[in-house]
Amino acid sequence: MEMLSAEKNRRSSLRAKMPQHLDRHIQWLEEEIRALDEEIEQLAQ
């Protein structure tokens, strides 16, 4: 979550093709968080 927040904050200051790279990383982080949430839910249950 901290990495995701940092990447989203960085996005506003990027130019050219860099936002595309950052968007892919943000998407990956969001997917990892979703997967981890599912795993945490299973462990809690």
ModelCIF file with pLDDT and N, C-alpha, C, O atoms, coordinates in Angstrom:
data_MODEL
#
_entry.id   MODEL 
#
_entity.id                         1 
_entity.type                       polymer 
_entity.pdbx_number_of_molecules   1 
#
_entity_poly.entity_id                      1 
_entity_poly.type                           'polypeptide(L)' 
_entity_poly.nstd_linkage                   no 
_entity_poly.nstd_monomer                   no 
_entity_poly.pdbx_seq_one_letter_code       MEMLSAEKNRRSSLRAKMPQHLDRHIQWLEEEIRALDEEIEQLAQ 
_entity_poly.pdbx_seq_one_letter_code_can   MEMLSAEKNRRSSLRAKMPQHLDRHIQWLEEEIRALDEEIEQLAQ 
_entity_poly.pdbx_strand_id                 A 
#
loop_
_entity_poly_seq.entity_id 
_entity_poly_seq.num 
_entity_poly_seq.mon_id 
_entity_poly_seq.hetero 
1 1  MET n 
1 2  GLU n 
1 3  MET n 
1 4  LEU n 
1 5  SER n 
1 6  ALA n 
1 7  GLU n 
1 8  LYS n 
1 9  ASN n 
1 10 ARG n 
1 11 ARG n 
1 12 SER n 
1 13 SER n 
1 14 LEU n 
1 15 ARG n 
1 16 ALA n 
1 17 LYS n 
1 18 MET n 
1 19 PRO n 
1 20 GLN n 
1 21 HIS n 
1 22 LEU n 
1 23 ASP n 
1 24 ARG n 
1 25 HIS n 
1 26 ILE n 
1 27 GLN n 
1 28 TRP n 
1 29 LEU n 
1 30 GLU n 
1 31 GLU n 
1 32 GLU n 
1 33 ILE n 
1 34 ARG n 
1 35 ALA n 
1 36 LEU n 
1 37 ASP n 
1 38 GLU n 
1 39 GLU n 
1 40 ILE n 
1 41 GLU n 
1 42 GLN n 
1 43 LEU n 
1 44 ALA n 
1 45 GLN n 
#
_struct_asym.id          A 
_struct_asym.entity_id   1 
#
loop_
_ma_qa_metric.id 
_ma_qa_metric.mode 
_ma_qa_metric.name 
_ma_qa_metric.software_group_id 
_ma_qa_metric.type 
1 global pLDDT . pLDDT 
2 local  pLDDT . pLDDT 
#
_ma_qa_metric_global.metric_id      1 
_ma_qa_metric_global.metric_value   88.31 
_ma_qa_metric_global.model_id       1 
_ma_qa_metric_global.ordinal_id     1 
#
loop_
_ma_qa_metric_local.label_asym_id 
_ma_qa_metric_local.label_comp_id 
_ma_qa_metric_local.label_seq_id 
_ma_qa_metric_local.metric_id 
_ma_qa_metric_local.metric_value 
_ma_qa_metric_local.model_id 
_ma_qa_metric_local.ordinal_id 
A MET 1  2 95.00 1 1  
A GLU 2  2 96.00 1 2  
A MET 3  2 96.00 1 3  
A LEU 4  2 95.00 1 4  
A SER 5  2 95.00 1 5  
A ALA 6  2 94.00 1 6  
A GLU 7  2 92.00 1 7  
A LYS 8  2 90.00 1 8  
A ASN 9  2 88.00 1 9  
A ARG 10 2 87.00 1 10 
A ARG 11 2 84.00 1 11 
A SER 12 2 79.00 1 12 
A SER 13 2 82.00 1 13 
A LEU 14 2 77.00 1 14 
A ARG 15 2 74.00 1 15 
A ALA 16 2 70.00 1 16 
A LYS 17 2 69.00 1 17 
A MET 18 2 77.00 1 18 
A PRO 19 2 80.00 1 19 
A GLN 20 2 81.00 1 20 
A HIS 21 2 83.00 1 21 
A LEU 22 2 88.00 1 22 
A ASP 23 2 89.00 1 23 
A ARG 24 2 92.00 1 24 
A HIS 25 2 92.00 1 25 
A ILE 26 2 94.00 1 26 
A GLN 27 2 96.00 1 27 
A TRP 28 2 96.00 1 28 
A LEU 29 2 97.00 1 29 
A GLU 30 2 96.00 1 30 
A GLU 31 2 97.00 1 31 
A GLU 32 2 96.00 1 32 
A ILE 33 2 95.00 1 33 
A ARG 34 2 94.00 1 34 
A ALA 35 2 95.00 1 35 
A LEU 36 2 92.00 1 36 
A ASP 37 2 90.00 1 37 
A GLU 38 2 90.00 1 38 
A GLU 39 2 90.00 1 39 
A ILE 40 2 87.00 1 40 
A GLU 41 2 85.00 1 41 
A GLN 42 2 87.00 1 42 
A LEU 43 2 86.00 1 43 
A ALA 44 2 83.00 1 44 
A GLN 45 2 83.00 1 45 
#
loop_
_atom_site.group_PDB 
_atom_site.id 
_atom_site.type_symbol 
_atom_site.label_atom_id 
_atom_site.label_alt_id 
_atom_site.label_comp_id 
_atom_site.label_asym_id 
_atom_site.label_entity_id 
_atom_site.label_seq_id 
_atom_site.pdbx_PDB_ins_code 
_atom_site.Cartn_x 
_atom_site.Cartn_y 
_atom_site.Cartn_z 
_atom_site.occupancy 
_atom_site.B_iso_or_equiv 
_atom_site.pdbx_formal_charge 
_atom_site.auth_seq_id 
_atom_site.auth_comp_id 
_atom_site.auth_asym_id 
_atom_site.auth_atom_id 
_atom_site.pdbx_PDB_model_num 
ATOM 1   N N  . MET A 1 1  ? 0.830   -1.206  0.000   1.00 95.00 ? 1  MET A N  1 
ATOM 2   C CA . MET A 1 1  ? 0.000   0.000   0.000   1.00 95.00 ? 1  MET A CA 1 
ATOM 3   C C  . MET A 1 1  ? 0.865   1.257   0.000   1.00 95.00 ? 1  MET A C  1 
ATOM 4   O O  . MET A 1 1  ? 0.535   2.237   -0.668  1.00 95.00 ? 1  MET A O  1 
ATOM 5   N N  . GLU A 1 2  ? 1.968   1.234   0.744   1.00 96.00 ? 2  GLU A N  1 
ATOM 6   C CA . GLU A 1 2  ? 2.882   2.375   0.767   1.00 96.00 ? 2  GLU A CA 1 
ATOM 7   C C  . GLU A 1 2  ? 3.514   2.588   -0.610  1.00 96.00 ? 2  GLU A C  1 
ATOM 8   O O  . GLU A 1 2  ? 3.640   3.722   -1.074  1.00 96.00 ? 2  GLU A O  1 
ATOM 9   N N  . MET A 1 3  ? 3.913   1.475   -1.265  1.00 96.00 ? 3  MET A N  1 
ATOM 10  C CA . MET A 1 3  ? 4.501   1.583   -2.603  1.00 96.00 ? 3  MET A CA 1 
ATOM 11  C C  . MET A 1 3  ? 3.471   2.127   -3.591  1.00 96.00 ? 3  MET A C  1 
ATOM 12  O O  . MET A 1 3  ? 3.791   2.969   -4.429  1.00 96.00 ? 3  MET A O  1 
ATOM 13  N N  . LEU A 1 4  ? 2.239   1.643   -3.489  1.00 95.00 ? 4  LEU A N  1 
ATOM 14  C CA . LEU A 1 4  ? 1.182   2.103   -4.385  1.00 95.00 ? 4  LEU A CA 1 
ATOM 15  C C  . LEU A 1 4  ? 0.941   3.602   -4.221  1.00 95.00 ? 4  LEU A C  1 
ATOM 16  O O  . LEU A 1 4  ? 0.806   4.326   -5.207  1.00 95.00 ? 4  LEU A O  1 
ATOM 17  N N  . SER A 1 5  ? 0.890   4.048   -3.005  1.00 95.00 ? 5  SER A N  1 
ATOM 18  C CA . SER A 1 5  ? 0.688   5.467   -2.735  1.00 95.00 ? 5  SER A CA 1 
ATOM 19  C C  . SER A 1 5  ? 1.838   6.301   -3.305  1.00 95.00 ? 5  SER A C  1 
ATOM 20  O O  . SER A 1 5  ? 1.607   7.349   -3.908  1.00 95.00 ? 5  SER A O  1 
ATOM 21  N N  . ALA A 1 6  ? 3.058   5.841   -3.115  1.00 94.00 ? 6  ALA A N  1 
ATOM 22  C CA . ALA A 1 6  ? 4.231   6.563   -3.628  1.00 94.00 ? 6  ALA A CA 1 
ATOM 23  C C  . ALA A 1 6  ? 4.209   6.638   -5.149  1.00 94.00 ? 6  ALA A C  1 
ATOM 24  O O  . ALA A 1 6  ? 4.509   7.684   -5.725  1.00 94.00 ? 6  ALA A O  1 
ATOM 25  N N  . GLU A 1 7  ? 3.855   5.532   -5.800  1.00 92.00 ? 7  GLU A N  1 
ATOM 26  C CA . GLU A 1 7  ? 3.826   5.520   -7.261  1.00 92.00 ? 7  GLU A CA 1 
ATOM 27  C C  . GLU A 1 7  ? 2.739   6.443   -7.798  1.00 92.00 ? 7  GLU A C  1 
ATOM 28  O O  . GLU A 1 7  ? 2.951   7.139   -8.791  1.00 92.00 ? 7  GLU A O  1 
ATOM 29  N N  . LYS A 1 8  ? 1.588   6.455   -7.156  1.00 90.00 ? 8  LYS A N  1 
ATOM 30  C CA . LYS A 1 8  ? 0.516   7.344   -7.593  1.00 90.00 ? 8  LYS A CA 1 
ATOM 31  C C  . LYS A 1 8  ? 0.920   8.808   -7.421  1.00 90.00 ? 8  LYS A C  1 
ATOM 32  O O  . LYS A 1 8  ? 0.592   9.650   -8.258  1.00 90.00 ? 8  LYS A O  1 
ATOM 33  N N  . ASN A 1 9  ? 1.625   9.103   -6.349  1.00 88.00 ? 9  ASN A N  1 
ATOM 34  C CA . ASN A 1 9  ? 2.102   10.478  -6.130  1.00 88.00 ? 9  ASN A CA 1 
ATOM 35  C C  . ASN A 1 9  ? 3.150   10.871  -7.173  1.00 88.00 ? 9  ASN A C  1 
ATOM 36  O O  . ASN A 1 9  ? 3.178   12.019  -7.617  1.00 88.00 ? 9  ASN A O  1 
ATOM 37  N N  . ARG A 1 10 ? 4.000   9.941   -7.562  1.00 87.00 ? 10 ARG A N  1 
ATOM 38  C CA . ARG A 1 10 ? 5.047   10.201  -8.547  1.00 87.00 ? 10 ARG A CA 1 
ATOM 39  C C  . ARG A 1 10 ? 4.478   10.463  -9.937  1.00 87.00 ? 10 ARG A C  1 
ATOM 40  O O  . ARG A 1 10 ? 5.046   11.218  -10.726 1.00 87.00 ? 10 ARG A O  1 
ATOM 41  N N  . ARG A 1 11 ? 3.360   9.834   -10.216 1.00 84.00 ? 11 ARG A N  1 
ATOM 42  C CA . ARG A 1 11 ? 2.798   9.884   -11.565 1.00 84.00 ? 11 ARG A CA 1 
ATOM 43  C C  . ARG A 1 11 ? 2.559   11.313  -12.056 1.00 84.00 ? 11 ARG A C  1 
ATOM 44  O O  . ARG A 1 11 ? 2.743   11.598  -13.239 1.00 84.00 ? 11 ARG A O  1 
ATOM 45  N N  . SER A 1 12 ? 2.160   12.191  -11.181 1.00 79.00 ? 12 SER A N  1 
ATOM 46  C CA . SER A 1 12 ? 1.833   13.561  -11.606 1.00 79.00 ? 12 SER A CA 1 
ATOM 47  C C  . SER A 1 12 ? 3.046   14.345  -12.093 1.00 79.00 ? 12 SER A C  1 
ATOM 48  O O  . SER A 1 12 ? 2.880   15.344  -12.794 1.00 79.00 ? 12 SER A O  1 
ATOM 49  N N  . SER A 1 13 ? 4.238   13.930  -11.749 1.00 82.00 ? 13 SER A N  1 
ATOM 50  C CA . SER A 1 13 ? 5.432   14.685  -12.136 1.00 82.00 ? 13 SER A CA 1 
ATOM 51  C C  . SER A 1 13 ? 6.189   14.066  -13.311 1.00 82.00 ? 13 SER A C  1 
ATOM 52  O O  . SER A 1 13 ? 7.281   14.527  -13.643 1.00 82.00 ? 13 SER A O  1 
ATOM 53  N N  . LEU A 1 14 ? 5.636   13.039  -13.941 1.00 77.00 ? 14 LEU A N  1 
ATOM 54  C CA . LEU A 1 14 ? 6.333   12.356  -15.032 1.00 77.00 ? 14 LEU A CA 1 
ATOM 55  C C  . LEU A 1 14 ? 5.932   12.894  -16.397 1.00 77.00 ? 14 LEU A C  1 
ATOM 56  O O  . LEU A 1 14 ? 4.852   13.457  -16.572 1.00 77.00 ? 14 LEU A O  1 
ATOM 57  N N  . ARG A 1 15 ? 6.834   12.705  -17.364 1.00 74.00 ? 15 ARG A N  1 
ATOM 58  C CA . ARG A 1 15 ? 6.580   13.153  -18.734 1.00 74.00 ? 15 ARG A CA 1 
ATOM 59  C C  . ARG A 1 15 ? 6.833   12.001  -19.702 1.00 74.00 ? 15 ARG A C  1 
ATOM 60  O O  . ARG A 1 15 ? 7.349   10.946  -19.332 1.00 74.00 ? 15 ARG A O  1 
ATOM 61  N N  . ALA A 1 16 ? 6.457   12.240  -20.938 1.00 70.00 ? 16 ALA A N  1 
ATOM 62  C CA . ALA A 1 16 ? 6.700   11.319  -22.051 1.00 70.00 ? 16 ALA A CA 1 
ATOM 63  C C  . ALA A 1 16 ? 6.117   9.940   -21.782 1.00 70.00 ? 16 ALA A C  1 
ATOM 64  O O  . ALA A 1 16 ? 4.951   9.814   -21.408 1.00 70.00 ? 16 ALA A O  1 
ATOM 65  N N  . LYS A 1 17 ? 6.936   8.898   -21.976 1.00 69.00 ? 17 LYS A N  1 
ATOM 66  C CA . LYS A 1 17 ? 6.445   7.525   -21.857 1.00 69.00 ? 17 LYS A CA 1 
ATOM 67  C C  . LYS A 1 17 ? 6.482   6.979   -20.438 1.00 69.00 ? 17 LYS A C  1 
ATOM 68  O O  . LYS A 1 17 ? 5.952   5.900   -20.174 1.00 69.00 ? 17 LYS A O  1 
ATOM 69  N N  . MET A 1 18 ? 7.085   7.696   -19.548 1.00 77.00 ? 18 MET A N  1 
ATOM 70  C CA . MET A 1 18 ? 7.222   7.194   -18.180 1.00 77.00 ? 18 MET A CA 1 
ATOM 71  C C  . MET A 1 18 ? 5.874   6.906   -17.503 1.00 77.00 ? 18 MET A C  1 
ATOM 72  O O  . MET A 1 18 ? 5.780   5.918   -16.774 1.00 77.00 ? 18 MET A O  1 
ATOM 73  N N  . PRO A 1 19 ? 4.836   7.712   -17.707 1.00 80.00 ? 19 PRO A N  1 
ATOM 74  C CA . PRO A 1 19 ? 3.561   7.382   -17.060 1.00 80.00 ? 19 PRO A CA 1 
ATOM 75  C C  . PRO A 1 19 ? 3.044   5.993   -17.443 1.00 80.00 ? 19 PRO A C  1 
ATOM 76  O O  . PRO A 1 19 ? 2.407   5.323   -16.630 1.00 80.00 ? 19 PRO A O  1 
ATOM 77  N N  . GLN A 1 20 ? 3.316   5.557   -18.684 1.00 81.00 ? 20 GLN A N  1 
ATOM 78  C CA . GLN A 1 20 ? 2.879   4.224   -19.110 1.00 81.00 ? 20 GLN A CA 1 
ATOM 79  C C  . GLN A 1 20 ? 3.560   3.140   -18.279 1.00 81.00 ? 20 GLN A C  1 
ATOM 80  O O  . GLN A 1 20 ? 2.924   2.170   -17.868 1.00 81.00 ? 20 GLN A O  1 
ATOM 81  N N  . HIS A 1 21 ? 4.846   3.313   -18.037 1.00 83.00 ? 21 HIS A N  1 
ATOM 82  C CA . HIS A 1 21 ? 5.578   2.346   -17.223 1.00 83.00 ? 21 HIS A CA 1 
ATOM 83  C C  . HIS A 1 21 ? 5.047   2.352   -15.790 1.00 83.00 ? 21 HIS A C  1 
ATOM 84  O O  . HIS A 1 21 ? 4.866   1.305   -15.168 1.00 83.00 ? 21 HIS A O  1 
ATOM 85  N N  . LEU A 1 22 ? 4.808   3.532   -15.299 1.00 88.00 ? 22 LEU A N  1 
ATOM 86  C CA . LEU A 1 22 ? 4.306   3.677   -13.938 1.00 88.00 ? 22 LEU A CA 1 
ATOM 87  C C  . LEU A 1 22 ? 2.906   3.086   -13.814 1.00 88.00 ? 22 LEU A C  1 
ATOM 88  O O  . LEU A 1 22 ? 2.579   2.458   -12.807 1.00 88.00 ? 22 LEU A O  1 
ATOM 89  N N  . ASP A 1 23 ? 2.079   3.290   -14.842 1.00 89.00 ? 23 ASP A N  1 
ATOM 90  C CA . ASP A 1 23 ? 0.723   2.728   -14.821 1.00 89.00 ? 23 ASP A CA 1 
ATOM 91  C C  . ASP A 1 23 ? 0.766   1.202   -14.742 1.00 89.00 ? 23 ASP A C  1 
ATOM 92  O O  . ASP A 1 23 ? -0.043  0.593   -14.042 1.00 89.00 ? 23 ASP A O  1 
ATOM 93  N N  . ARG A 1 24 ? 1.702   0.587   -15.454 1.00 92.00 ? 24 ARG A N  1 
ATOM 94  C CA . ARG A 1 24 ? 1.837   -0.881  -15.388 1.00 92.00 ? 24 ARG A CA 1 
ATOM 95  C C  . ARG A 1 24 ? 2.244   -1.320  -13.992 1.00 92.00 ? 24 ARG A C  1 
ATOM 96  O O  . ARG A 1 24 ? 1.759   -2.334  -13.489 1.00 92.00 ? 24 ARG A O  1 
ATOM 97  N N  . HIS A 1 25 ? 3.132   -0.562  -13.366 1.00 92.00 ? 25 HIS A N  1 
ATOM 98  C CA . HIS A 1 25 ? 3.560   -0.910  -12.018 1.00 92.00 ? 25 HIS A CA 1 
ATOM 99  C C  . HIS A 1 25 ? 2.414   -0.720  -11.025 1.00 92.00 ? 25 HIS A C  1 
ATOM 100 O O  . HIS A 1 25 ? 2.225   -1.543  -10.129 1.00 92.00 ? 25 HIS A O  1 
ATOM 101 N N  . ILE A 1 26 ? 1.660   0.349   -11.181 1.00 94.00 ? 26 ILE A N  1 
ATOM 102 C CA . ILE A 1 26 ? 0.502   0.590   -10.308 1.00 94.00 ? 26 ILE A CA 1 
ATOM 103 C C  . ILE A 1 26 ? -0.508  -0.539  -10.453 1.00 94.00 ? 26 ILE A C  1 
ATOM 104 O O  . ILE A 1 26 ? -1.048  -1.030  -9.462  1.00 94.00 ? 26 ILE A O  1 
ATOM 105 N N  . GLN A 1 27 ? -0.757  -0.947  -11.686 1.00 96.00 ? 27 GLN A N  1 
ATOM 106 C CA . GLN A 1 27 ? -1.694  -2.050  -11.922 1.00 96.00 ? 27 GLN A CA 1 
ATOM 107 C C  . GLN A 1 27 ? -1.189  -3.334  -11.258 1.00 96.00 ? 27 GLN A C  1 
ATOM 108 O O  . GLN A 1 27 ? -1.969  -4.051  -10.632 1.00 96.00 ? 27 GLN A O  1 
ATOM 109 N N  . TRP A 1 28 ? 0.099   -3.626  -11.390 1.00 96.00 ? 28 TRP A N  1 
ATOM 110 C CA . TRP A 1 28 ? 0.680   -4.809  -10.771 1.00 96.00 ? 28 TRP A CA 1 
ATOM 111 C C  . TRP A 1 28 ? 0.521   -4.751  -9.245  1.00 96.00 ? 28 TRP A C  1 
ATOM 112 O O  . TRP A 1 28 ? 0.136   -5.740  -8.621  1.00 96.00 ? 28 TRP A O  1 
ATOM 113 N N  . LEU A 1 29 ? 0.814   -3.602  -8.655  1.00 97.00 ? 29 LEU A N  1 
ATOM 114 C CA . LEU A 1 29 ? 0.677   -3.447  -7.208  1.00 97.00 ? 29 LEU A CA 1 
ATOM 115 C C  . LEU A 1 29 ? -0.764  -3.681  -6.769  1.00 97.00 ? 29 LEU A C  1 
ATOM 116 O O  . LEU A 1 29 ? -1.005  -4.355  -5.768  1.00 97.00 ? 29 LEU A O  1 
ATOM 117 N N  . GLU A 1 30 ? -1.719  -3.131  -7.510  1.00 96.00 ? 30 GLU A N  1 
ATOM 118 C CA . GLU A 1 30 ? -3.131  -3.312  -7.167  1.00 96.00 ? 30 GLU A CA 1 
ATOM 119 C C  . GLU A 1 30 ? -3.539  -4.780  -7.247  1.00 96.00 ? 30 GLU A C  1 
ATOM 120 O O  . GLU A 1 30 ? -4.303  -5.259  -6.409  1.00 96.00 ? 30 GLU A O  1 
ATOM 121 N N  . GLU A 1 31 ? -3.034  -5.492  -8.249  1.00 97.00 ? 31 GLU A N  1 
ATOM 122 C CA . GLU A 1 31 ? -3.325  -6.926  -8.383  1.00 97.00 ? 31 GLU A CA 1 
ATOM 123 C C  . GLU A 1 31 ? -2.717  -7.712  -7.219  1.00 97.00 ? 31 GLU A C  1 
ATOM 124 O O  . GLU A 1 31 ? -3.353  -8.613  -6.673  1.00 97.00 ? 31 GLU A O  1 
ATOM 125 N N  . GLU A 1 32 ? -1.501  -7.369  -6.850  1.00 96.00 ? 32 GLU A N  1 
ATOM 126 C CA . GLU A 1 32 ? -0.842  -8.049  -5.730  1.00 96.00 ? 32 GLU A CA 1 
ATOM 127 C C  . GLU A 1 32 ? -1.608  -7.809  -4.418  1.00 96.00 ? 32 GLU A C  1 
ATOM 128 O O  . GLU A 1 32 ? -1.755  -8.722  -3.605  1.00 96.00 ? 32 GLU A O  1 
ATOM 129 N N  . ILE A 1 33 ? -2.083  -6.602  -4.225  1.00 95.00 ? 33 ILE A N  1 
ATOM 130 C CA . ILE A 1 33 ? -2.844  -6.281  -3.013  1.00 95.00 ? 33 ILE A CA 1 
ATOM 131 C C  . ILE A 1 33 ? -4.143  -7.075  -2.985  1.00 95.00 ? 33 ILE A C  1 
ATOM 132 O O  . ILE A 1 33 ? -4.524  -7.607  -1.942  1.00 95.00 ? 33 ILE A O  1 
ATOM 133 N N  . ARG A 1 34 ? -4.830  -7.160  -4.133  1.00 94.00 ? 34 ARG A N  1 
ATOM 134 C CA . ARG A 1 34 ? -6.072  -7.947  -4.198  1.00 94.00 ? 34 ARG A CA 1 
ATOM 135 C C  . ARG A 1 34 ? -5.806  -9.418  -3.871  1.00 94.00 ? 34 ARG A C  1 
ATOM 136 O O  . ARG A 1 34 ? -6.545  -10.035 -3.104  1.00 94.00 ? 34 ARG A O  1 
ATOM 137 N N  . ALA A 1 35 ? -4.746  -9.969  -4.458  1.00 95.00 ? 35 ALA A N  1 
ATOM 138 C CA . ALA A 1 35 ? -4.408  -11.373 -4.201  1.00 95.00 ? 35 ALA A CA 1 
ATOM 139 C C  . ALA A 1 35 ? -4.051  -11.587 -2.731  1.00 95.00 ? 35 ALA A C  1 
ATOM 140 O O  . ALA A 1 35 ? -4.443  -12.584 -2.125  1.00 95.00 ? 35 ALA A O  1 
ATOM 141 N N  . LEU A 1 36 ? -3.320  -10.662 -2.180  1.00 92.00 ? 36 LEU A N  1 
ATOM 142 C CA . LEU A 1 36 ? -2.942  -10.763 -0.772  1.00 92.00 ? 36 LEU A CA 1 
ATOM 143 C C  . LEU A 1 36 ? -4.160  -10.638 0.137   1.00 92.00 ? 36 LEU A C  1 
ATOM 144 O O  . LEU A 1 36 ? -4.245  -11.325 1.155   1.00 92.00 ? 36 LEU A O  1 
ATOM 145 N N  . ASP A 1 37 ? -5.104  -9.765  -0.220  1.00 90.00 ? 37 ASP A N  1 
ATOM 146 C CA . ASP A 1 37 ? -6.345  -9.639  0.547   1.00 90.00 ? 37 ASP A CA 1 
ATOM 147 C C  . ASP A 1 37 ? -7.116  -10.961 0.573   1.00 90.00 ? 37 ASP A C  1 
ATOM 148 O O  . ASP A 1 37 ? -7.654  -11.355 1.608   1.00 90.00 ? 37 ASP A O  1 
ATOM 149 N N  . GLU A 1 38 ? -7.162  -11.636 -0.571  1.00 90.00 ? 38 GLU A N  1 
ATOM 150 C CA . GLU A 1 38 ? -7.845  -12.928 -0.641  1.00 90.00 ? 38 GLU A CA 1 
ATOM 151 C C  . GLU A 1 38 ? -7.148  -13.958 0.246   1.00 90.00 ? 38 GLU A C  1 
ATOM 152 O O  . GLU A 1 38 ? -7.803  -14.721 0.957   1.00 90.00 ? 38 GLU A O  1 
ATOM 153 N N  . GLU A 1 39 ? -5.833  -13.973 0.198   1.00 90.00 ? 39 GLU A N  1 
ATOM 154 C CA . GLU A 1 39 ? -5.071  -14.917 1.024   1.00 90.00 ? 39 GLU A CA 1 
ATOM 155 C C  . GLU A 1 39 ? -5.268  -14.632 2.508   1.00 90.00 ? 39 GLU A C  1 
ATOM 156 O O  . GLU A 1 39 ? -5.435  -15.555 3.305   1.00 90.00 ? 39 GLU A O  1 
ATOM 157 N N  . ILE A 1 40 ? -5.248  -13.366 2.873   1.00 87.00 ? 40 ILE A N  1 
ATOM 158 C CA . ILE A 1 40 ? -5.456  -12.977 4.275   1.00 87.00 ? 40 ILE A CA 1 
ATOM 159 C C  . ILE A 1 40 ? -6.843  -13.399 4.727   1.00 87.00 ? 40 ILE A C  1 
ATOM 160 O O  . ILE A 1 40 ? -7.008  -13.901 5.839   1.00 87.00 ? 40 ILE A O  1 
ATOM 161 N N  . GLU A 1 41 ? -7.849  -13.197 3.869   1.00 85.00 ? 41 GLU A N  1 
ATOM 162 C CA . GLU A 1 41 ? -9.223  -13.588 4.195   1.00 85.00 ? 41 GLU A CA 1 
ATOM 163 C C  . GLU A 1 41 ? -9.317  -15.090 4.423   1.00 85.00 ? 41 GLU A C  1 
ATOM 164 O O  . GLU A 1 41 ? -9.966  -15.532 5.371   1.00 85.00 ? 41 GLU A O  1 
ATOM 165 N N  . GLN A 1 42 ? -8.680  -15.873 3.574   1.00 87.00 ? 42 GLN A N  1 
ATOM 166 C CA . GLN A 1 42 ? -8.698  -17.333 3.726   1.00 87.00 ? 42 GLN A CA 1 
ATOM 167 C C  . GLN A 1 42 ? -8.028  -17.755 5.027   1.00 87.00 ? 42 GLN A C  1 
ATOM 168 O O  . GLN A 1 42 ? -8.532  -18.626 5.736   1.00 87.00 ? 42 GLN A O  1 
ATOM 169 N N  . LEU A 1 43 ? -6.902  -17.142 5.337   1.00 86.00 ? 43 LEU A N  1 
ATOM 170 C CA . LEU A 1 43 ? -6.204  -17.477 6.576   1.00 86.00 ? 43 LEU A CA 1 
ATOM 171 C C  . LEU A 1 43 ? -7.027  -17.100 7.802   1.00 86.00 ? 43 LEU A C  1 
ATOM 172 O O  . LEU A 1 43 ? -7.058  -17.835 8.789   1.00 86.00 ? 43 LEU A O  1 
ATOM 173 N N  . ALA A 1 44 ? -7.688  -15.956 7.732   1.00 83.00 ? 44 ALA A N  1 
ATOM 174 C CA . ALA A 1 44 ? -8.519  -15.507 8.849   1.00 83.00 ? 44 ALA A CA 1 
ATOM 175 C C  . ALA A 1 44 ? -9.706  -16.441 9.045   1.00 83.00 ? 44 ALA A C  1 
ATOM 176 O O  . ALA A 1 44 ? -10.085 -16.729 10.180  1.00 83.00 ? 44 ALA A O  1 
ATOM 177 N N  . GLN A 1 45 ? -10.296 -16.916 7.952   1.00 83.00 ? 45 GLN A N  1 
ATOM 178 C CA . GLN A 1 45 ? -11.428 -17.824 8.051   1.00 83.00 ? 45 GLN A CA 1 
ATOM 179 C C  . GLN A 1 45 ? -11.013 -19.181 8.602   1.00 83.00 ? 45 GLN A C  1 
ATOM 180 O O  . GLN A 1 45 ? -11.852 -20.070 8.750   1.00 83.00 ? 45 GLN A O  1 
#
